[in-house]
Amino acid sequence: MDMSIVIAVMILIFIVVLEFVSLFRSRSCNDNILDFVAVVPVFSQDDNLSERLCCLSEKTACGQCHAEQIILIDYGASPQQLEICRRFCLDNPCAVIVNSEDTGKIFSEMFAIDMKR
């Protein structure tokens, strides 16, 4: 009976050690932030553009996310909004302003999509 208790305790200790190893391994994998592309549509009716771009800039600056590229798509933006976008692009070198007509071309180049049919 004593031997079976010792074996059970050893098995439980082994399981606990494996759980701790897997817990810390998964934590270190979450530290590797994956790159992504952020797409922000800019409409003339958008009253919160400045706040959204500020929030996105803060998240990328503090390391919460890492946008490989930020694409601001102009869907009839006002001159004031375009100026906000230009200032955002100056502060964020990975940001670019694109006309809505050019989005297909940009995305096909970015993701290597063949647009020929």
C-alpha atoms as a PDB file:
ATOM      1  CA  MET A   1       0.000   0.000   0.000  1.00  0.00           C
ATOM      2  CA  ASP A   2       2.841   2.414   0.787  1.00  0.00           C
ATOM      3  CA  MET A   3       4.453   1.780  -2.592  1.00  0.00           C
ATOM      4  CA  SER A   4       1.241   2.654  -4.446  1.00  0.00           C
ATOM      5  CA  ILE A   5       1.004   5.982  -2.562  1.00  0.00           C
ATOM      6  CA  VAL A   6       4.615   6.793  -3.411  1.00  0.00           C
ATOM      7  CA  ILE A   7       3.990   6.024  -7.096  1.00  0.00           C
ATOM      8  CA  ALA A   8       0.804   8.133  -7.104  1.00  0.00           C
ATOM      9  CA  VAL A   9       2.660  11.059  -5.498  1.00  0.00           C
ATOM     10  CA  MET A  10       5.491  10.760  -8.034  1.00  0.00           C
ATOM     11  CA  ILE A  11       3.001  10.773 -10.910  1.00  0.00           C
ATOM     12  CA  LEU A  12       1.263  13.856  -9.487  1.00  0.00           C
ATOM     13  CA  ILE A  13       4.588  15.666  -9.077  1.00  0.00           C
ATOM     14  CA  PHE A  14       5.490  14.798 -12.670  1.00  0.00           C
ATOM     15  CA  ILE A  15       2.143  16.167 -13.896  1.00  0.00           C
ATOM     16  CA  VAL A  16       2.582  19.400 -11.902  1.00  0.00           C
ATOM     17  CA  VAL A  17       6.069  19.912 -13.351  1.00  0.00           C
ATOM     18  CA  LEU A  18       4.740  19.387 -16.887  1.00  0.00           C
ATOM     19  CA  GLU A  19       1.918  21.869 -16.253  1.00  0.00           C
ATOM     20  CA  PHE A  20       4.368  24.536 -15.055  1.00  0.00           C
ATOM     21  CA  VAL A  21       6.653  23.988 -18.029  1.00  0.00           C
ATOM     22  CA  SER A  22       3.767  24.258 -20.495  1.00  0.00           C
ATOM     23  CA  LEU A  23       2.401  27.339 -18.688  1.00  0.00           C
ATOM     24  CA  PHE A  24       5.680  29.242 -18.932  1.00  0.00           C
ATOM     25  CA  ARG A  25       6.311  28.087 -22.488  1.00  0.00           C
ATOM     26  CA  SER A  26       2.936  29.421 -23.647  1.00  0.00           C
ATOM     27  CA  ARG A  27       3.634  32.726 -21.899  1.00  0.00           C
ATOM     28  CA  SER A  28       6.878  33.210 -23.784  1.00  0.00           C
ATOM     29  CA  CYS A  29       5.114  32.460 -27.073  1.00  0.00           C
ATOM     30  CA  ASN A  30       2.582  35.216 -26.389  1.00  0.00           C
ATOM     31  CA  ASP A  31       5.401  37.734 -26.066  1.00  0.00           C
ATOM     32  CA  ASN A  32       6.161  37.292 -29.763  1.00  0.00           C
ATOM     33  CA  ILE A  33       3.794  39.831 -31.291  1.00  0.00           C
ATOM     34  CA  LEU A  34       2.833  39.034 -34.848  1.00  0.00           C
ATOM     35  CA  ASP A  35       2.916  41.683 -37.524  1.00  0.00           C
ATOM     36  CA  PHE A  36      -0.317  42.723 -39.183  1.00  0.00           C
ATOM     37  CA  VAL A  37      -1.647  45.305 -41.610  1.00  0.00           C
ATOM     38  CA  ALA A  38      -4.098  47.870 -40.251  1.00  0.00           C
ATOM     39  CA  VAL A  39      -6.623  49.302 -42.695  1.00  0.00           C
ATOM     40  CA  VAL A  40      -8.399  52.510 -41.665  1.00  0.00           C
ATOM     41  CA  PRO A  41     -11.169  53.810 -43.950  1.00  0.00           C
ATOM     42  CA  VAL A  42     -11.489  57.610 -43.936  1.00  0.00           C
ATOM     43  CA  PHE A  43     -14.985  58.927 -44.686  1.00  0.00           C
ATOM     44  CA  SER A  44     -16.049  62.570 -44.752  1.00  0.00           C
ATOM     45  CA  GLN A  45     -18.648  61.864 -42.036  1.00  0.00           C
ATOM     46  CA  ASP A  46     -15.993  60.513 -39.643  1.00  0.00           C
ATOM     47  CA  ASP A  47     -15.845  62.877 -36.670  1.00  0.00           C
ATOM     48  CA  ASN A  48     -13.571  60.588 -34.623  1.00  0.00           C
ATOM     49  CA  LEU A  49     -10.721  60.133 -37.084  1.00  0.00           C
ATOM     50  CA  SER A  50      -8.197  62.062 -35.025  1.00  0.00           C
ATOM     51  CA  GLU A  51      -9.000  60.065 -31.880  1.00  0.00           C
ATOM     52  CA  ARG A  52      -8.846  56.718 -33.725  1.00  0.00           C
ATOM     53  CA  LEU A  53      -5.486  57.529 -35.288  1.00  0.00           C
ATOM     54  CA  CYS A  54      -4.166  58.762 -31.936  1.00  0.00           C
ATOM     55  CA  CYS A  55      -5.266  55.519 -30.280  1.00  0.00           C
ATOM     56  CA  LEU A  56      -3.671  53.433 -33.034  1.00  0.00           C
ATOM     57  CA  SER A  57      -0.473  55.438 -32.761  1.00  0.00           C
ATOM     58  CA  GLU A  58      -0.359  54.942 -28.976  1.00  0.00           C
ATOM     59  CA  LYS A  59      -0.907  51.190 -29.290  1.00  0.00           C
ATOM     60  CA  THR A  60       1.884  50.793 -31.831  1.00  0.00           C
ATOM     61  CA  ALA A  61       4.246  53.096 -29.907  1.00  0.00           C
ATOM     62  CA  CYS A  62       3.908  51.302 -26.574  1.00  0.00           C
ATOM     63  CA  GLY A  63       4.292  47.861 -28.159  1.00  0.00           C
ATOM     64  CA  GLN A  64       0.759  46.562 -27.596  1.00  0.00           C
ATOM     65  CA  CYS A  65       0.582  45.788 -31.284  1.00  0.00           C
ATOM     66  CA  HIS A  66       2.980  45.939 -34.168  1.00  0.00           C
ATOM     67  CA  ALA A  67       1.436  47.032 -37.419  1.00  0.00           C
ATOM     68  CA  GLU A  68       3.707  46.187 -40.315  1.00  0.00           C
ATOM     69  CA  GLN A  69       1.838  48.757 -42.363  1.00  0.00           C
ATOM     70  CA  ILE A  70      -1.053  51.128 -41.706  1.00  0.00           C
ATOM     71  CA  ILE A  71      -3.158  51.901 -44.758  1.00  0.00           C
ATOM     72  CA  LEU A  72      -5.452  54.930 -44.612  1.00  0.00           C
ATOM     73  CA  ILE A  73      -8.009  54.614 -47.421  1.00  0.00           C
ATOM     74  CA  ASP A  74      -9.502  57.894 -48.650  1.00  0.00           C
ATOM     75  CA  TYR A  75     -13.233  57.466 -49.275  1.00  0.00           C
ATOM     76  CA  GLY A  76     -13.999  61.150 -49.881  1.00  0.00           C
ATOM     77  CA  ALA A  77     -12.140  62.607 -46.913  1.00  0.00           C
ATOM     78  CA  SER A  78     -12.343  66.322 -46.224  1.00  0.00           C
ATOM     79  CA  PRO A  79      -9.209  68.481 -46.580  1.00  0.00           C
ATOM     80  CA  GLN A  80      -8.967  68.677 -42.773  1.00  0.00           C
ATOM     81  CA  GLN A  81      -9.095  64.890 -42.499  1.00  0.00           C
ATOM     82  CA  LEU A  82      -6.436  64.515 -45.182  1.00  0.00           C
ATOM     83  CA  GLU A  83      -4.229  66.909 -43.210  1.00  0.00           C
ATOM     84  CA  ILE A  84      -4.740  64.785 -40.070  1.00  0.00           C
ATOM     85  CA  CYS A  85      -3.787  61.704 -42.116  1.00  0.00           C
ATOM     86  CA  ARG A  86      -0.695  63.412 -43.515  1.00  0.00           C
ATOM     87  CA  ARG A  87       0.474  64.357 -40.013  1.00  0.00           C
ATOM     88  CA  PHE A  88      -0.185  60.781 -38.875  1.00  0.00           C
ATOM     89  CA  CYS A  89       1.922  59.456 -41.772  1.00  0.00           C
ATOM     90  CA  LEU A  90       4.777  61.792 -40.828  1.00  0.00           C
ATOM     91  CA  ASP A  91       4.766  60.451 -37.262  1.00  0.00           C
ATOM     92  CA  ASN A  92       4.313  56.814 -38.369  1.00  0.00           C
ATOM     93  CA  PRO A  93       6.621  55.828 -41.240  1.00  0.00           C
ATOM     94  CA  CYS A  94       4.700  52.582 -41.785  1.00  0.00           C
ATOM     95  CA  ALA A  95       1.501  54.536 -42.614  1.00  0.00           C
ATOM     96  CA  VAL A  96       0.387  55.438 -46.120  1.00  0.00           C
ATOM     97  CA  ILE A  97      -2.642  57.241 -47.603  1.00  0.00           C
ATOM     98  CA  VAL A  98      -4.316  55.481 -50.541  1.00  0.00           C
ATOM     99  CA  ASN A  99      -7.202  56.467 -52.800  1.00  0.00           C
ATOM    100  CA  SER A 100     -10.134  54.078 -52.734  1.00  0.00           C
ATOM    101  CA  GLU A 101      -9.600  53.326 -56.434  1.00  0.00           C
ATOM    102  CA  ASP A 102      -6.058  52.095 -55.773  1.00  0.00           C
ATOM    103  CA  THR A 103      -6.868  49.657 -52.955  1.00  0.00           C
ATOM    104  CA  GLY A 104      -7.126  46.637 -55.256  1.00  0.00           C
ATOM    105  CA  LYS A 105      -3.704  47.344 -56.719  1.00  0.00           C
ATOM    106  CA  ILE A 106      -2.118  47.971 -53.309  1.00  0.00           C
ATOM    107  CA  PHE A 107      -3.567  44.818 -51.764  1.00  0.00           C
ATOM    108  CA  SER A 108      -2.657  42.662 -54.752  1.00  0.00           C
ATOM    109  CA  GLU A 109       0.952  43.873 -54.555  1.00  0.00           C
ATOM    110  CA  MET A 110       1.087  43.532 -50.784  1.00  0.00           C
ATOM    111  CA  PHE A 111      -0.334  40.022 -50.610  1.00  0.00           C
ATOM    112  CA  ALA A 112       0.968  38.799 -54.014  1.00  0.00           C
ATOM    113  CA  ILE A 113      -2.521  38.271 -55.443  1.00  0.00           C
ATOM    114  CA  ASP A 114      -2.746  37.768 -59.183  1.00  0.00           C
ATOM    115  CA  MET A 115      -5.484  40.120 -60.444  1.00  0.00           C
ATOM    116  CA  LYS A 116      -5.453  38.771 -64.025  1.00  0.00           C
ATOM    117  CA  ARG A 117      -8.544  36.868 -65.084  1.00  0.00           C
END
